[in-house]
C-alpha atoms as a PDB file:
ATOM      1  CA  UNK A   1     -66.000  -3.803  76.142  1.00  0.00           C
ATOM      2  CA  UNK A   2     -64.601  -0.325  76.877  1.00  0.00           C
ATOM      3  CA  UNK A   3     -66.999   1.173  74.368  1.00  0.00           C
ATOM      4  CA  UNK A   4     -69.918   0.111  76.504  1.00  0.00           C
ATOM      5  CA  UNK A   5     -68.454   1.564  79.694  1.00  0.00           C
ATOM      6  CA  UNK A   6     -70.315   4.862  80.327  1.00  0.00           C
ATOM      7  CA  UNK A   7     -67.848   6.099  82.966  1.00  0.00           C
ATOM      8  CA  UNK A   8     -64.880   5.673  80.634  1.00  0.00           C
ATOM      9  CA  UNK A   9     -66.735   7.450  77.801  1.00  0.00           C
ATOM     10  CA  UNK A  10     -67.633  10.289  80.147  1.00  0.00           C
ATOM     11  CA  UNK A  11     -64.028  10.665  81.359  1.00  0.00           C
ATOM     12  CA  UNK A  12     -62.799  10.841  77.781  1.00  0.00           C
ATOM     13  CA  UNK A  13     -65.314  13.540  76.941  1.00  0.00           C
ATOM     14  CA  UNK A  14     -64.292  15.475  80.040  1.00  0.00           C
ATOM     15  CA  UNK A  15     -60.620  15.132  79.162  1.00  0.00           C
ATOM     16  CA  UNK A  16     -61.285  16.286  75.577  1.00  0.00           C
ATOM     17  CA  UNK A  17     -63.307  19.276  76.769  1.00  0.00           C
ATOM     18  CA  UNK A  18     -60.579  20.290  79.241  1.00  0.00           C
ATOM     19  CA  UNK A  19     -57.847  20.042  76.602  1.00  0.00           C
ATOM     20  CA  UNK A  20     -59.914  22.041  74.097  1.00  0.00           C
ATOM     21  CA  UNK A  21     -60.450  24.713  76.722  1.00  0.00           C
ATOM     22  CA  UNK A  22     -56.725  24.847  77.542  1.00  0.00           C
ATOM     23  CA  UNK A  23     -55.753  25.139  73.869  1.00  0.00           C
ATOM     24  CA  UNK A  24     -58.394  27.821  73.320  1.00  0.00           C
ATOM     25  CA  UNK A  25     -57.080  29.712  76.334  1.00  0.00           C
ATOM     26  CA  UNK A  26     -53.478  29.467  75.057  1.00  0.00           C
ATOM     27  CA  UNK A  27     -54.554  30.697  71.626  1.00  0.00           C
ATOM     28  CA  UNK A  28     -56.533  33.561  73.116  1.00  0.00           C
ATOM     29  CA  UNK A  29     -53.627  34.561  75.376  1.00  0.00           C
ATOM     30  CA  UNK A  30     -51.206  34.577  72.433  1.00  0.00           C
ATOM     31  CA  UNK A  31     -53.512  36.661  70.247  1.00  0.00           C
ATOM     32  CA  UNK A  32     -54.249  39.076  73.112  1.00  0.00           C
ATOM     33  CA  UNK A  33     -50.547  39.490  73.807  1.00  0.00           C
ATOM     34  CA  UNK A  34     -49.769  40.319  70.186  1.00  0.00           C
ATOM     35  CA  UNK A  35     -52.705  42.736  69.904  1.00  0.00           C
ATOM     36  CA  UNK A  36     -51.771  44.452  73.177  1.00  0.00           C
ATOM     37  CA  UNK A  37     -48.127  44.852  72.120  1.00  0.00           C
ATOM     38  CA  UNK A  38     -49.021  46.261  68.692  1.00  0.00           C
ATOM     39  CA  UNK A  39     -51.705  48.626  70.028  1.00  0.00           C
ATOM     40  CA  UNK A  40     -49.539  49.824  72.918  1.00  0.00           C
ATOM     41  CA  UNK A  41     -46.577  50.650  70.695  1.00  0.00           C
ATOM     42  CA  UNK A  42     -48.793  52.284  68.063  1.00  0.00           C
ATOM     43  CA  UNK A  43     -50.737  54.388  70.575  1.00  0.00           C
ATOM     44  CA  UNK A  44     -47.536  55.573  72.247  1.00  0.00           C
ATOM     45  CA  UNK A  45     -45.575  56.066  69.040  1.00  0.00           C
ATOM     46  CA  UNK A  46     -47.815  57.245  66.213  1.00  0.00           C
ATOM     47  CA  UNK A  47     -48.667  60.672  67.725  1.00  0.00           C
ATOM     48  CA  UNK A  48     -44.939  61.527  67.825  1.00  0.00           C
ATOM     49  CA  UNK A  49     -44.172  60.625  64.208  1.00  0.00           C
ATOM     50  CA  UNK A  50     -43.875  63.935  62.374  1.00  0.00           C
ATOM     51  CA  UNK A  51     -42.468  65.010  59.036  1.00  0.00           C
ATOM     52  CA  UNK A  52     -39.711  66.941  60.813  1.00  0.00           C
ATOM     53  CA  UNK A  53     -38.706  63.799  62.687  1.00  0.00           C
ATOM     54  CA  UNK A  54     -38.519  61.733  59.521  1.00  0.00           C
ATOM     55  CA  UNK A  55     -36.852  64.264  57.213  1.00  0.00           C
ATOM     56  CA  UNK A  56     -34.200  65.969  59.327  1.00  0.00           C
ATOM     57  CA  UNK A  57     -30.925  65.107  61.038  1.00  0.00           C
ATOM     58  CA  UNK A  58     -30.461  65.714  64.764  1.00  0.00           C
ATOM     59  CA  UNK A  59     -28.975  69.077  65.737  1.00  0.00           C
ATOM     60  CA  UNK A  60     -27.527  69.493  69.205  1.00  0.00           C
ATOM     61  CA  UNK A  61     -27.320  73.277  68.807  1.00  0.00           C
ATOM     62  CA  UNK A  62     -31.056  73.712  68.332  1.00  0.00           C
ATOM     63  CA  UNK A  63     -31.952  70.526  70.281  1.00  0.00           C
ATOM     64  CA  UNK A  64     -33.731  69.197  67.227  1.00  0.00           C
ATOM     65  CA  UNK A  65     -34.273  65.449  66.980  1.00  0.00           C
ATOM     66  CA  UNK A  66     -34.422  63.774  63.573  1.00  0.00           C
ATOM     67  CA  UNK A  67     -34.028  60.207  62.460  1.00  0.00           C
ATOM     68  CA  UNK A  68     -33.297  60.666  58.754  1.00  0.00           C
ATOM     69  CA  UNK A  69     -29.658  59.500  59.165  1.00  0.00           C
ATOM     70  CA  UNK A  70     -30.895  56.413  61.021  1.00  0.00           C
ATOM     71  CA  UNK A  71     -33.380  55.600  58.254  1.00  0.00           C
ATOM     72  CA  UNK A  72     -30.677  55.945  55.595  1.00  0.00           C
ATOM     73  CA  UNK A  73     -28.191  53.892  57.646  1.00  0.00           C
ATOM     74  CA  UNK A  74     -30.821  51.142  57.900  1.00  0.00           C
ATOM     75  CA  UNK A  75     -31.322  51.164  54.139  1.00  0.00           C
ATOM     76  CA  UNK A  76     -27.552  51.118  53.554  1.00  0.00           C
ATOM     77  CA  UNK A  77     -26.917  48.179  55.855  1.00  0.00           C
ATOM     78  CA  UNK A  78     -29.865  46.187  54.414  1.00  0.00           C
ATOM     79  CA  UNK A  79     -28.577  46.678  50.858  1.00  0.00           C
ATOM     80  CA  UNK A  80     -24.957  45.868  51.763  1.00  0.00           C
ATOM     81  CA  UNK A  81     -25.992  42.726  53.663  1.00  0.00           C
ATOM     82  CA  UNK A  82     -28.233  41.394  50.891  1.00  0.00           C
ATOM     83  CA  UNK A  83     -25.652  42.043  48.159  1.00  0.00           C
ATOM     84  CA  UNK A  84     -23.207  39.756  49.972  1.00  0.00           C
ATOM     85  CA  UNK A  85     -25.449  37.168  51.665  1.00  0.00           C
ATOM     86  CA  UNK A  86     -27.709  36.329  48.688  1.00  0.00           C
ATOM     87  CA  UNK A  87     -24.972  34.986  46.369  1.00  0.00           C
ATOM     88  CA  UNK A  88     -23.310  33.130  49.256  1.00  0.00           C
ATOM     89  CA  UNK A  89     -26.513  31.604  50.646  1.00  0.00           C
ATOM     90  CA  UNK A  90     -28.041  30.651  47.299  1.00  0.00           C
ATOM     91  CA  UNK A  91     -24.703  29.348  45.981  1.00  0.00           C
ATOM     92  CA  UNK A  92     -24.154  27.200  49.090  1.00  0.00           C
ATOM     93  CA  UNK A  93     -27.688  25.825  48.841  1.00  0.00           C
ATOM     94  CA  UNK A  94     -27.250  24.944  45.161  1.00  0.00           C
ATOM     95  CA  UNK A  95     -23.956  23.144  45.873  1.00  0.00           C
ATOM     96  CA  UNK A  96     -25.370  21.152  48.815  1.00  0.00           C
ATOM     97  CA  UNK A  97     -28.534  20.159  46.933  1.00  0.00           C
ATOM     98  CA  UNK A  98     -27.363  19.700  43.359  1.00  0.00           C
ATOM     99  CA  UNK A  99     -23.616  19.044  43.357  1.00  0.00           C
ATOM    100  CA  UNK A 100     -22.458  17.594  46.699  1.00  0.00           C
ATOM    101  CA  UNK A 101     -22.140  13.795  46.616  1.00  0.00           C
ATOM    102  CA  UNK A 102     -20.545  13.151  50.034  1.00  0.00           C
ATOM    103  CA  UNK A 103     -23.450  12.844  52.445  1.00  0.00           C
ATOM    104  CA  UNK A 104     -21.223  13.346  55.473  1.00  0.00           C
ATOM    105  CA  UNK A 105     -19.988  16.686  54.179  1.00  0.00           C
ATOM    106  CA  UNK A 106     -23.556  17.829  53.538  1.00  0.00           C
ATOM    107  CA  UNK A 107     -24.661  16.805  57.008  1.00  0.00           C
ATOM    108  CA  UNK A 108     -21.680  18.579  58.584  1.00  0.00           C
ATOM    109  CA  UNK A 109     -22.334  21.803  56.702  1.00  0.00           C
ATOM    110  CA  UNK A 110     -26.058  21.700  57.525  1.00  0.00           C
ATOM    111  CA  UNK A 111     -25.233  21.109  61.199  1.00  0.00           C
ATOM    112  CA  UNK A 112     -22.837  24.067  61.153  1.00  0.00           C
ATOM    113  CA  UNK A 113     -25.557  26.241  59.619  1.00  0.00           C
ATOM    114  CA  UNK A 114     -28.074  25.193  62.256  1.00  0.00           C
ATOM    115  CA  UNK A 115     -25.502  25.984  64.950  1.00  0.00           C
ATOM    116  CA  UNK A 116     -24.892  29.416  63.480  1.00  0.00           C
ATOM    117  CA  UNK A 117     -28.616  30.194  63.542  1.00  0.00           C
ATOM    118  CA  UNK A 118     -28.802  29.402  67.254  1.00  0.00           C
ATOM    119  CA  UNK A 119     -25.903  31.566  68.447  1.00  0.00           C
ATOM    120  CA  UNK A 120     -26.941  34.714  70.364  1.00  0.00           C
ATOM    121  CA  UNK A 121     -26.539  37.920  68.375  1.00  0.00           C
ATOM    122  CA  UNK A 122     -24.361  39.513  71.058  1.00  0.00           C
ATOM    123  CA  UNK A 123     -21.685  36.902  70.348  1.00  0.00           C
ATOM    124  CA  UNK A 124     -21.828  37.797  66.641  1.00  0.00           C
ATOM    125  CA  UNK A 125     -21.277  41.409  67.630  1.00  0.00           C
ATOM    126  CA  UNK A 126     -18.263  40.544  69.749  1.00  0.00           C
ATOM    127  CA  UNK A 127     -16.688  38.391  67.023  1.00  0.00           C
ATOM    128  CA  UNK A 128     -17.500  41.031  64.359  1.00  0.00           C
ATOM    129  CA  UNK A 129     -15.860  43.746  66.461  1.00  0.00           C
ATOM    130  CA  UNK A 130     -12.717  41.680  67.001  1.00  0.00           C
ATOM    131  CA  UNK A 131     -12.417  40.379  63.436  1.00  0.00           C
ATOM    132  CA  UNK A 132     -13.850  43.029  61.090  1.00  0.00           C
ATOM    133  CA  UNK A 133     -13.277  46.187  63.131  1.00  0.00           C
ATOM    134  CA  UNK A 134      -9.899  45.381  64.697  1.00  0.00           C
ATOM    135  CA  UNK A 135      -8.206  42.537  62.782  1.00  0.00           C
ATOM    136  CA  UNK A 136      -9.253  43.790  59.311  1.00  0.00           C
ATOM    137  CA  UNK A 137      -8.879  47.445  60.433  1.00  0.00           C
ATOM    138  CA  UNK A 138     -12.375  48.342  59.202  1.00  0.00           C
ATOM    139  CA  UNK A 139     -13.001  50.256  62.405  1.00  0.00           C
ATOM    140  CA  UNK A 140     -16.555  50.793  63.621  1.00  0.00           C
ATOM    141  CA  UNK A 141     -18.543  51.150  60.431  1.00  0.00           C
ATOM    142  CA  UNK A 142     -21.745  50.127  58.705  1.00  0.00           C
ATOM    143  CA  UNK A 143     -19.756  47.800  56.443  1.00  0.00           C
ATOM    144  CA  UNK A 144     -18.407  45.932  59.445  1.00  0.00           C
ATOM    145  CA  UNK A 145     -21.968  45.684  60.756  1.00  0.00           C
ATOM    146  CA  UNK A 146     -23.240  44.465  57.388  1.00  0.00           C
ATOM    147  CA  UNK A 147     -20.571  41.710  57.171  1.00  0.00           C
ATOM    148  CA  UNK A 148     -21.502  40.625  60.697  1.00  0.00           C
ATOM    149  CA  UNK A 149     -25.160  40.433  59.651  1.00  0.00           C
ATOM    150  CA  UNK A 150     -24.105  38.400  56.593  1.00  0.00           C
ATOM    151  CA  UNK A 151     -22.829  35.651  58.890  1.00  0.00           C
ATOM    152  CA  UNK A 152     -26.006  35.870  60.980  1.00  0.00           C
ATOM    153  CA  UNK A 153     -28.406  35.630  58.008  1.00  0.00           C
ATOM    154  CA  UNK A 154     -26.458  33.107  55.925  1.00  0.00           C
ATOM    155  CA  UNK A 155     -28.199  30.077  57.539  1.00  0.00           C
ATOM    156  CA  UNK A 156     -31.656  31.581  56.861  1.00  0.00           C
ATOM    157  CA  UNK A 157     -30.977  32.152  53.154  1.00  0.00           C
ATOM    158  CA  UNK A 158     -29.255  28.812  52.761  1.00  0.00           C
ATOM    159  CA  UNK A 159     -31.908  26.714  54.481  1.00  0.00           C
ATOM    160  CA  UNK A 160     -34.918  28.328  52.806  1.00  0.00           C
ATOM    161  CA  UNK A 161     -33.248  27.957  49.380  1.00  0.00           C
ATOM    162  CA  UNK A 162     -32.319  24.354  50.139  1.00  0.00           C
ATOM    163  CA  UNK A 163     -35.890  23.417  51.061  1.00  0.00           C
ATOM    164  CA  UNK A 164     -37.165  25.120  47.911  1.00  0.00           C
ATOM    165  CA  UNK A 165     -34.646  23.259  45.747  1.00  0.00           C
ATOM    166  CA  UNK A 166     -35.640  19.931  47.320  1.00  0.00           C
ATOM    167  CA  UNK A 167     -39.304  20.684  46.582  1.00  0.00           C
ATOM    168  CA  UNK A 168     -38.646  20.887  42.819  1.00  0.00           C
ATOM    169  CA  UNK A 169     -39.784  17.545  41.286  1.00  0.00           C
ATOM    170  CA  UNK A 170     -36.950  15.327  40.095  1.00  0.00           C
ATOM    171  CA  UNK A 171     -38.830  14.793  36.837  1.00  0.00           C
ATOM    172  CA  UNK A 172     -38.100  18.422  35.876  1.00  0.00           C
ATOM    173  CA  UNK A 173     -34.380  17.715  36.054  1.00  0.00           C
ATOM    174  CA  UNK A 174     -34.630  14.368  34.267  1.00  0.00           C
ATOM    175  CA  UNK A 175     -36.682  15.916  31.442  1.00  0.00           C
ATOM    176  CA  UNK A 176     -34.109  18.675  30.949  1.00  0.00           C
ATOM    177  CA  UNK A 177     -31.261  16.153  31.001  1.00  0.00           C
ATOM    178  CA  UNK A 178     -33.140  14.059  28.469  1.00  0.00           C
ATOM    179  CA  UNK A 179     -33.197  17.051  26.116  1.00  0.00           C
ATOM    180  CA  UNK A 180     -29.420  17.281  26.316  1.00  0.00           C
ATOM    181  CA  UNK A 181     -29.044  20.204  28.710  1.00  0.00           C
ATOM    182  CA  UNK A 182     -25.969  20.355  30.920  1.00  0.00           C
ATOM    183  CA  UNK A 183     -25.952  20.422  34.721  1.00  0.00           C
ATOM    184  CA  UNK A 184     -25.613  24.172  35.153  1.00  0.00           C
ATOM    185  CA  UNK A 185     -28.093  24.915  32.368  1.00  0.00           C
ATOM    186  CA  UNK A 186     -30.679  22.685  34.063  1.00  0.00           C
ATOM    187  CA  UNK A 187     -30.170  24.471  37.356  1.00  0.00           C
ATOM    188  CA  UNK A 188     -30.234  27.930  35.796  1.00  0.00           C
ATOM    189  CA  UNK A 189     -33.214  27.483  33.467  1.00  0.00           C
ATOM    190  CA  UNK A 190     -35.350  24.836  35.191  1.00  0.00           C
ATOM    191  CA  UNK A 191     -34.574  24.413  38.885  1.00  0.00           C
ATOM    192  CA  UNK A 192     -33.996  28.002  40.033  1.00  0.00           C
ATOM    193  CA  UNK A 193     -37.116  29.458  38.313  1.00  0.00           C
ATOM    194  CA  UNK A 194     -39.171  26.754  39.994  1.00  0.00           C
ATOM    195  CA  UNK A 195     -37.937  27.651  43.476  1.00  0.00           C
ATOM    196  CA  UNK A 196     -37.679  31.433  43.180  1.00  0.00           C
ATOM    197  CA  UNK A 197     -40.459  31.791  45.775  1.00  0.00           C
ATOM    198  CA  UNK A 198     -38.275  30.213  48.459  1.00  0.00           C
ATOM    199  CA  UNK A 199     -35.339  32.470  47.613  1.00  0.00           C
ATOM    200  CA  UNK A 200     -37.495  35.613  47.779  1.00  0.00           C
ATOM    201  CA  UNK A 201     -39.142  34.472  51.002  1.00  0.00           C
ATOM    202  CA  UNK A 202     -35.775  33.882  52.604  1.00  0.00           C
ATOM    203  CA  UNK A 203     -34.616  37.291  51.404  1.00  0.00           C
ATOM    204  CA  UNK A 204     -37.673  38.992  52.941  1.00  0.00           C
ATOM    205  CA  UNK A 205     -37.210  37.140  56.228  1.00  0.00           C
ATOM    206  CA  UNK A 206     -33.550  38.196  56.283  1.00  0.00           C
ATOM    207  CA  UNK A 207     -34.558  41.838  55.798  1.00  0.00           C
ATOM    208  CA  UNK A 208     -36.848  41.496  58.810  1.00  0.00           C
ATOM    209  CA  UNK A 209     -34.013  40.128  60.918  1.00  0.00           C
ATOM    210  CA  UNK A 210     -31.663  42.893  59.773  1.00  0.00           C
ATOM    211  CA  UNK A 211     -34.203  45.541  60.671  1.00  0.00           C
ATOM    212  CA  UNK A 212     -34.687  44.077  64.145  1.00  0.00           C
ATOM    213  CA  UNK A 213     -31.018  43.562  65.020  1.00  0.00           C
ATOM    214  CA  UNK A 214     -29.353  45.868  67.512  1.00  0.00           C
ATOM    215  CA  UNK A 215     -26.955  43.951  69.794  1.00  0.00           C
ATOM    216  CA  UNK A 216     -24.503  42.967  67.045  1.00  0.00           C
ATOM    217  CA  UNK A 217     -24.588  46.450  65.470  1.00  0.00           C
ATOM    218  CA  UNK A 218     -23.800  48.226  68.749  1.00  0.00           C
ATOM    219  CA  UNK A 219     -20.371  46.555  68.665  1.00  0.00           C
ATOM    220  CA  UNK A 220     -19.681  46.848  64.948  1.00  0.00           C
ATOM    221  CA  UNK A 221     -21.654  49.723  63.359  1.00  0.00           C
ATOM    222  CA  UNK A 222     -21.699  52.183  66.247  1.00  0.00           C
ATOM    223  CA  UNK A 223     -24.383  54.754  67.029  1.00  0.00           C
ATOM    224  CA  UNK A 224     -23.459  57.941  65.198  1.00  0.00           C
ATOM    225  CA  UNK A 225     -26.281  60.040  63.726  1.00  0.00           C
ATOM    226  CA  UNK A 226     -24.273  61.549  60.843  1.00  0.00           C
ATOM    227  CA  UNK A 227     -25.982  62.121  57.485  1.00  0.00           C
ATOM    228  CA  UNK A 228     -23.816  60.521  54.741  1.00  0.00           C
ATOM    229  CA  UNK A 229     -24.148  59.176  51.225  1.00  0.00           C
ATOM    230  CA  UNK A 230     -24.082  55.465  50.451  1.00  0.00           C
ATOM    231  CA  UNK A 231     -20.348  54.874  49.997  1.00  0.00           C
ATOM    232  CA  UNK A 232     -19.197  57.259  52.706  1.00  0.00           C
ATOM    233  CA  UNK A 233     -21.903  55.981  55.003  1.00  0.00           C
ATOM    234  CA  UNK A 234     -20.785  52.354  54.615  1.00  0.00           C
ATOM    235  CA  UNK A 235     -17.234  53.284  55.658  1.00  0.00           C
ATOM    236  CA  UNK A 236     -18.392  55.391  58.604  1.00  0.00           C
ATOM    237  CA  UNK A 237     -20.040  54.626  61.919  1.00  0.00           C
ATOM    238  CA  UNK A 238     -23.785  54.965  61.968  1.00  0.00           C
ATOM    239  CA  UNK A 239     -26.898  53.988  63.926  1.00  0.00           C
ATOM    240  CA  UNK A 240     -29.725  52.000  62.419  1.00  0.00           C
ATOM    241  CA  UNK A 241     -33.297  52.475  63.622  1.00  0.00           C
ATOM    242  CA  UNK A 242     -33.018  49.760  66.258  1.00  0.00           C
ATOM    243  CA  UNK A 243     -29.753  51.137  67.610  1.00  0.00           C
ATOM    244  CA  UNK A 244     -31.205  54.664  67.576  1.00  0.00           C
ATOM    245  CA  UNK A 245     -34.176  53.405  69.591  1.00  0.00           C
ATOM    246  CA  UNK A 246     -31.782  52.048  72.201  1.00  0.00           C
ATOM    247  CA  UNK A 247     -29.763  55.259  72.291  1.00  0.00           C
ATOM    248  CA  UNK A 248     -32.751  57.573  72.613  1.00  0.00           C
ATOM    249  CA  UNK A 249     -34.453  55.392  75.258  1.00  0.00           C
ATOM    250  CA  UNK A 250     -31.477  54.266  77.342  1.00  0.00           C
ATOM    251  CA  UNK A 251     -28.865  56.983  76.900  1.00  0.00           C
ATOM    252  CA  UNK A 252     -30.923  60.156  76.371  1.00  0.00           C
ATOM    253  CA  UNK A 253     -34.257  59.335  77.974  1.00  0.00           C
ATOM    254  CA  UNK A 254     -36.258  60.468  74.919  1.00  0.00           C
ATOM    255  CA  UNK A 255     -39.010  57.899  75.242  1.00  0.00           C
ATOM    256  CA  UNK A 256     -41.391  59.728  72.881  1.00  0.00           C
ATOM    257  CA  UNK A 257     -38.826  59.449  70.076  1.00  0.00           C
ATOM    258  CA  UNK A 258     -38.068  55.853  71.076  1.00  0.00           C
ATOM    259  CA  UNK A 259     -41.740  54.884  70.828  1.00  0.00           C
ATOM    260  CA  UNK A 260     -42.010  56.702  67.468  1.00  0.00           C
ATOM    261  CA  UNK A 261     -39.111  54.601  66.140  1.00  0.00           C
ATOM    262  CA  UNK A 262     -40.676  51.485  67.654  1.00  0.00           C
ATOM    263  CA  UNK A 263     -43.930  52.234  65.821  1.00  0.00           C
ATOM    264  CA  UNK A 264     -42.042  52.630  62.548  1.00  0.00           C
ATOM    265  CA  UNK A 265     -40.213  49.323  63.112  1.00  0.00           C
ATOM    266  CA  UNK A 266     -43.499  47.644  64.017  1.00  0.00           C
ATOM    267  CA  UNK A 267     -45.112  48.815  60.777  1.00  0.00           C
ATOM    268  CA  UNK A 268     -42.080  47.712  58.777  1.00  0.00           C
ATOM    269  CA  UNK A 269     -42.214  44.263  60.431  1.00  0.00           C
ATOM    270  CA  UNK A 270     -45.918  43.892  59.617  1.00  0.00           C
ATOM    271  CA  UNK A 271     -45.279  44.948  56.026  1.00  0.00           C
ATOM    272  CA  UNK A 272     -42.388  42.462  55.664  1.00  0.00           C
ATOM    273  CA  UNK A 273     -44.461  39.571  57.057  1.00  0.00           C
ATOM    274  CA  UNK A 274     -47.384  40.419  54.775  1.00  0.00           C
ATOM    275  CA  UNK A 275     -45.030  40.708  51.825  1.00  0.00           C
ATOM    276  CA  UNK A 276     -43.540  37.278  52.498  1.00  0.00           C
ATOM    277  CA  UNK A 277     -47.060  35.753  52.676  1.00  0.00           C
ATOM    278  CA  UNK A 278     -48.255  37.489  49.504  1.00  0.00           C
ATOM    279  CA  UNK A 279     -45.117  36.578  47.565  1.00  0.00           C
ATOM    280  CA  UNK A 280     -45.481  32.946  48.572  1.00  0.00           C
ATOM    281  CA  UNK A 281     -49.141  32.860  47.504  1.00  0.00           C
ATOM    282  CA  UNK A 282     -48.360  34.653  44.216  1.00  0.00           C
ATOM    283  CA  UNK A 283     -45.663  32.174  43.163  1.00  0.00           C
ATOM    284  CA  UNK A 284     -47.769  29.253  44.373  1.00  0.00           C
ATOM    285  CA  UNK A 285     -50.576  30.385  42.071  1.00  0.00           C
ATOM    286  CA  UNK A 286     -48.155  30.751  39.194  1.00  0.00           C
ATOM    287  CA  UNK A 287     -46.779  27.290  39.875  1.00  0.00           C
ATOM    288  CA  UNK A 288     -50.253  25.727  39.962  1.00  0.00           C
ATOM    289  CA  UNK A 289     -51.544  27.575  36.887  1.00  0.00           C
END
């Protein structure tokens, strides 16, 4: 009977049109906001990116500003974080998915990981400063900052690897077991190669979070602009690009340099997101072929 009611049909059409318009407006606002942010940072920052800025260290005697130490410190802290967090995150995911038999333990660990991912980064920085810098006597150093970032990124690596492991068909495991392979051999030769895309995607996302982190590193890594090698740099205080952006903008008032660093970070973020998408599509094609 309602189908033959013209007023009800008209109200439904009006409601649908209004909702479509609202969703279109929300989509347009989101896209416009992203485009405005990217263009504004690029327009303000790109003109100030020079070879001298990228390839030199700051000199207070000649008032020269360079971000080469900050670039190297960023590379050092990314490498140190990934070297520690990848084995921990992937190993934890393999245990929870393939070995753990107590469902309550698995749920408790997953809940703890979800809780860790929701804690504000400033709290990680405070805990990292008290534990790594003071209790372990590591002082303010890139290594202390890297270990703090390990705790921050562990849930990301673990969850992405877990979901990838769960997506591997159970028939793959059963076929390998039927051929006489052991548990670890099945995981190493069948399961892990089938979910390598999830591991790489989680790794790329973690790199993006490391590049964008500043609050935790202010407490643990410091903001020195010294030019050091890898091993000396990890044991010394140093500013990453995000921390350098904060120092130049807030402490020194060098907004041109701050926007130049922001443009570099924006380009790195875009490259990382594109890389994650391309890697996922590449492995998906290999899996389907």
